[in-house]
Amino acid sequence: MTTGTPPPTARKRSRARTFVPLAIAAWAVLEIWMLIVVADVAGGFTVLLLLAAGVVLGAVVMKRAGRRAFRNLTETLQQMPGQPGAGGSSPAPSSTRGNGFLMLAGLLIMIPGLISDVAGLLLLVPPVRSALSGFAERSLERRMRTAGPGSLSDAFQQARMHRPDGKVVQGEVIREDPSHPDDTLRPPLTP
């Protein structure tokens, strides 16, 4: 029996869903191969010491980045209007940037493997971190501009609705439920 409607077509698989698992598998194989090569040249105990040092250094970097992020958050909250001791100055932009990449650097250093350690150590270099931060910001802004309605970009735009004088518009959500007929007798909201 035919209904005349075509069968539904399967959605095309994205490139990221195809290549990301392959890239992770290739990275893991490369990491293991590098550890075997270094173990053959320098000895297994040296590789064990390198891995242990990586875990300790990564933990120190992540702890320091976490403290830095918490300190920046505390300073930002103290400078908000209406808070006691709120000043007109804002924190330096360079002190608030790069905490995410510092956390990523610590995580990469903690992951067992020499390639991830090198990538983590590169992220500890401030010019590399600031260049990656600028690239990530530009990429995110470009994606937000090109995103269509109903996407994450639209949600960010809705969350930032302000009046012209900079104040946030307060509102109330009214759900009309047919099971409650007395809701229709409510007076309208007045500003």
Protein backbone atom coordinates (compact mmCIF):
# COMPACT_ATOMS: atom_id res chain seq x y z
CA MET A 1 0.00 0.00 0.00
CA THR A 2 1.44 3.36 -1.01
CA THR A 3 0.45 6.65 0.50
CA GLY A 4 2.20 8.92 -1.97
CA THR A 5 4.50 10.49 0.62
CA PRO A 6 8.22 10.01 0.19
CA PRO A 7 10.12 8.17 2.94
CA PRO A 8 11.87 10.40 5.45
CA THR A 9 15.48 11.07 4.65
CA ALA A 10 18.19 10.64 7.25
CA ARG A 11 20.00 13.77 8.35
CA LYS A 12 23.52 14.13 7.02
CA ARG A 13 26.20 13.48 9.62
CA SER A 14 28.31 16.56 10.39
CA ARG A 15 32.03 16.62 9.74
CA ALA A 16 32.75 17.15 13.42
CA ARG A 17 30.89 13.96 14.39
CA THR A 18 32.96 12.08 11.83
CA PHE A 19 36.43 13.50 12.38
CA VAL A 20 36.54 14.27 16.13
CA PRO A 21 36.49 10.59 17.22
CA LEU A 22 39.10 9.78 14.58
CA ALA A 23 41.29 12.67 15.74
CA ILE A 24 41.02 11.58 19.39
CA ALA A 25 41.96 7.99 18.48
CA ALA A 26 44.93 9.19 16.40
CA TRP A 27 46.04 11.50 19.22
CA ALA A 28 45.87 8.65 21.76
CA VAL A 29 47.88 6.32 19.52
CA LEU A 30 50.47 9.06 18.93
CA GLU A 31 50.75 9.75 22.67
CA ILE A 32 51.29 6.07 23.45
CA TRP A 33 53.86 5.75 20.66
CA MET A 34 55.77 8.81 21.96
CA LEU A 35 55.80 7.39 25.50
CA ILE A 36 57.18 4.08 24.17
CA VAL A 37 59.89 5.87 22.17
CA VAL A 38 60.94 7.97 25.18
CA ALA A 39 60.88 4.87 27.42
CA ASP A 40 63.19 3.06 24.98
CA VAL A 41 65.62 5.98 24.89
CA ALA A 42 65.58 7.24 28.49
CA GLY A 43 64.09 4.34 30.44
CA GLY A 44 60.74 3.52 31.96
CA PHE A 45 61.53 5.20 35.28
CA THR A 46 62.18 8.50 33.48
CA VAL A 47 58.81 8.28 31.73
CA LEU A 48 57.14 7.57 35.07
CA LEU A 49 58.82 10.63 36.59
CA LEU A 50 57.75 12.77 33.61
CA LEU A 51 54.15 11.64 33.98
CA ALA A 52 54.15 12.26 37.75
CA ALA A 53 55.73 15.71 37.27
CA GLY A 54 53.09 16.49 34.67
CA VAL A 55 50.28 15.65 37.07
CA VAL A 56 51.79 17.79 39.84
CA LEU A 57 52.55 20.75 37.55
CA GLY A 58 49.11 20.56 35.96
CA ALA A 59 47.43 20.56 39.37
CA VAL A 60 49.46 23.60 40.45
CA VAL A 61 48.57 25.48 37.25
CA MET A 62 44.87 24.66 37.58
CA LYS A 63 44.80 25.66 41.26
CA ARG A 64 46.51 28.96 40.49
CA ALA A 65 44.16 29.70 37.59
CA GLY A 66 41.16 28.87 39.78
CA ARG A 67 42.34 31.22 42.51
CA ARG A 68 42.97 33.94 39.94
CA ALA A 69 39.48 33.51 38.49
CA PHE A 70 37.90 33.61 41.95
CA ARG A 71 39.88 36.74 42.87
CA ASN A 72 38.76 38.45 39.62
CA LEU A 73 35.15 37.47 40.30
CA THR A 74 35.35 38.84 43.83
CA GLU A 75 36.85 42.14 42.61
CA THR A 76 34.19 42.46 39.91
CA LEU A 77 31.36 41.83 42.37
CA GLN A 78 32.81 44.36 44.82
CA GLN A 79 32.93 47.03 42.11
CA MET A 80 29.25 46.66 41.21
CA PRO A 81 27.13 49.74 41.91
CA GLY A 82 25.38 49.65 45.24
CA GLN A 83 28.08 47.59 46.92
CA PRO A 84 29.99 49.11 49.85
CA GLY A 85 33.37 50.41 48.71
CA ALA A 86 32.44 50.31 45.03
CA GLY A 87 34.81 52.49 43.08
CA GLY A 88 34.56 53.84 39.59
CA SER A 89 37.65 52.01 38.34
CA SER A 90 37.45 48.71 36.57
CA PRO A 91 40.01 45.91 36.76
CA ALA A 92 42.72 45.77 34.14
CA PRO A 93 41.55 43.81 31.10
CA SER A 94 44.73 41.75 30.96
CA SER A 95 44.20 40.43 34.50
CA THR A 96 40.77 39.03 33.69
CA ARG A 97 41.70 37.33 30.41
CA GLY A 98 43.12 33.89 29.91
CA ASN A 99 41.84 32.02 32.95
CA GLY A 100 40.07 29.49 30.77
CA PHE A 101 43.21 28.86 28.74
CA LEU A 102 45.24 28.53 31.96
CA MET A 103 42.79 25.89 33.16
CA LEU A 104 43.07 24.14 29.79
CA ALA A 105 46.86 24.29 30.05
CA GLY A 106 46.74 22.63 33.48
CA LEU A 107 44.39 19.95 32.19
CA LEU A 108 46.58 19.24 29.16
CA ILE A 109 49.66 18.98 31.36
CA MET A 110 47.86 16.57 33.71
CA ILE A 111 46.79 14.25 30.87
CA PRO A 112 49.41 11.51 30.50
CA GLY A 113 51.40 12.04 27.33
CA LEU A 114 54.16 14.18 25.96
CA ILE A 115 52.24 15.88 23.14
CA SER A 116 49.53 17.11 25.50
CA ASP A 117 52.26 18.29 27.90
CA VAL A 118 53.90 20.34 25.15
CA ALA A 119 50.52 21.83 24.17
CA GLY A 120 49.83 22.69 27.83
CA LEU A 121 53.25 24.27 28.27
CA LEU A 122 52.67 26.35 25.12
CA LEU A 123 49.43 27.64 26.64
CA LEU A 124 51.43 28.86 29.65
CA VAL A 125 53.27 31.36 27.42
CA PRO A 126 51.34 34.67 27.68
CA PRO A 127 51.64 35.75 23.99
CA VAL A 128 50.34 32.37 22.82
CA ARG A 129 47.49 32.51 25.32
CA SER A 130 46.50 36.07 24.33
CA ALA A 131 46.64 35.21 20.61
CA LEU A 132 44.39 32.19 21.13
CA SER A 133 42.06 34.26 23.31
CA GLY A 134 41.70 36.91 20.59
CA PHE A 135 41.11 34.24 17.94
CA ALA A 136 38.44 32.55 20.10
CA GLU A 137 36.66 35.88 20.73
CA ARG A 138 36.62 36.80 17.03
CA SER A 139 35.41 33.35 16.07
CA LEU A 140 32.62 33.43 18.66
CA GLU A 141 31.52 36.92 17.60
CA ARG A 142 31.43 35.87 13.94
CA ARG A 143 29.33 32.80 14.76
CA MET A 144 26.96 34.86 16.91
CA ARG A 145 26.41 37.34 14.07
CA THR A 146 25.68 34.64 11.50
CA ALA A 147 23.42 32.56 13.76
CA GLY A 148 19.75 32.54 12.81
CA PRO A 149 16.71 33.24 14.99
CA GLY A 150 15.91 30.64 17.60
CA SER A 151 19.56 29.80 18.16
CA LEU A 152 21.87 30.42 21.09
CA SER A 153 22.65 33.87 19.72
CA ASP A 154 18.96 34.76 19.93
CA ALA A 155 18.89 33.64 23.56
CA PHE A 156 21.82 35.94 24.40
CA GLN A 157 20.09 38.84 22.70
CA GLN A 158 16.89 38.22 24.65
CA ALA A 159 18.79 38.04 27.92
CA ARG A 160 20.23 41.52 27.36
CA MET A 161 17.00 43.51 26.92
CA HIS A 162 17.53 46.89 28.59
CA ARG A 163 15.76 50.19 28.60
CA PRO A 164 17.50 53.13 26.88
CA ASP A 165 18.66 54.47 30.24
CA GLY A 166 20.52 51.19 30.92
CA LYS A 167 18.13 49.75 33.48
CA VAL A 168 16.86 46.20 33.18
CA VAL A 169 13.17 45.95 32.34
CA GLN A 170 11.26 44.09 35.01
CA GLY A 171 8.41 41.90 33.88
CA GLU A 172 5.94 39.25 34.84
CA VAL A 173 5.02 36.11 32.96
CA ILE A 174 1.30 35.37 32.95
CA ARG A 175 0.23 31.91 31.93
CA GLU A 176 -3.31 31.62 30.77
CA ASP A 177 -4.67 28.32 31.96
CA PRO A 178 -8.21 27.35 30.90
CA SER A 179 -8.74 25.43 34.17
CA HIS A 180 -8.72 28.71 36.12
CA PRO A 181 -11.51 30.98 34.82
CA ASP A 182 -10.83 33.66 37.47
CA ASP A 183 -7.50 34.54 35.75
CA THR A 184 -9.44 36.56 33.18
CA LEU A 185 -10.71 38.90 35.91
CA ARG A 186 -7.23 40.14 36.80
CA PRO A 187 -6.53 43.85 36.22
CA PRO A 188 -3.88 44.65 33.61
CA LEU A 189 -0.31 45.40 34.67
CA THR A 190 0.50 49.08 34.99
CA PRO A 191 4.02 50.54 35.08
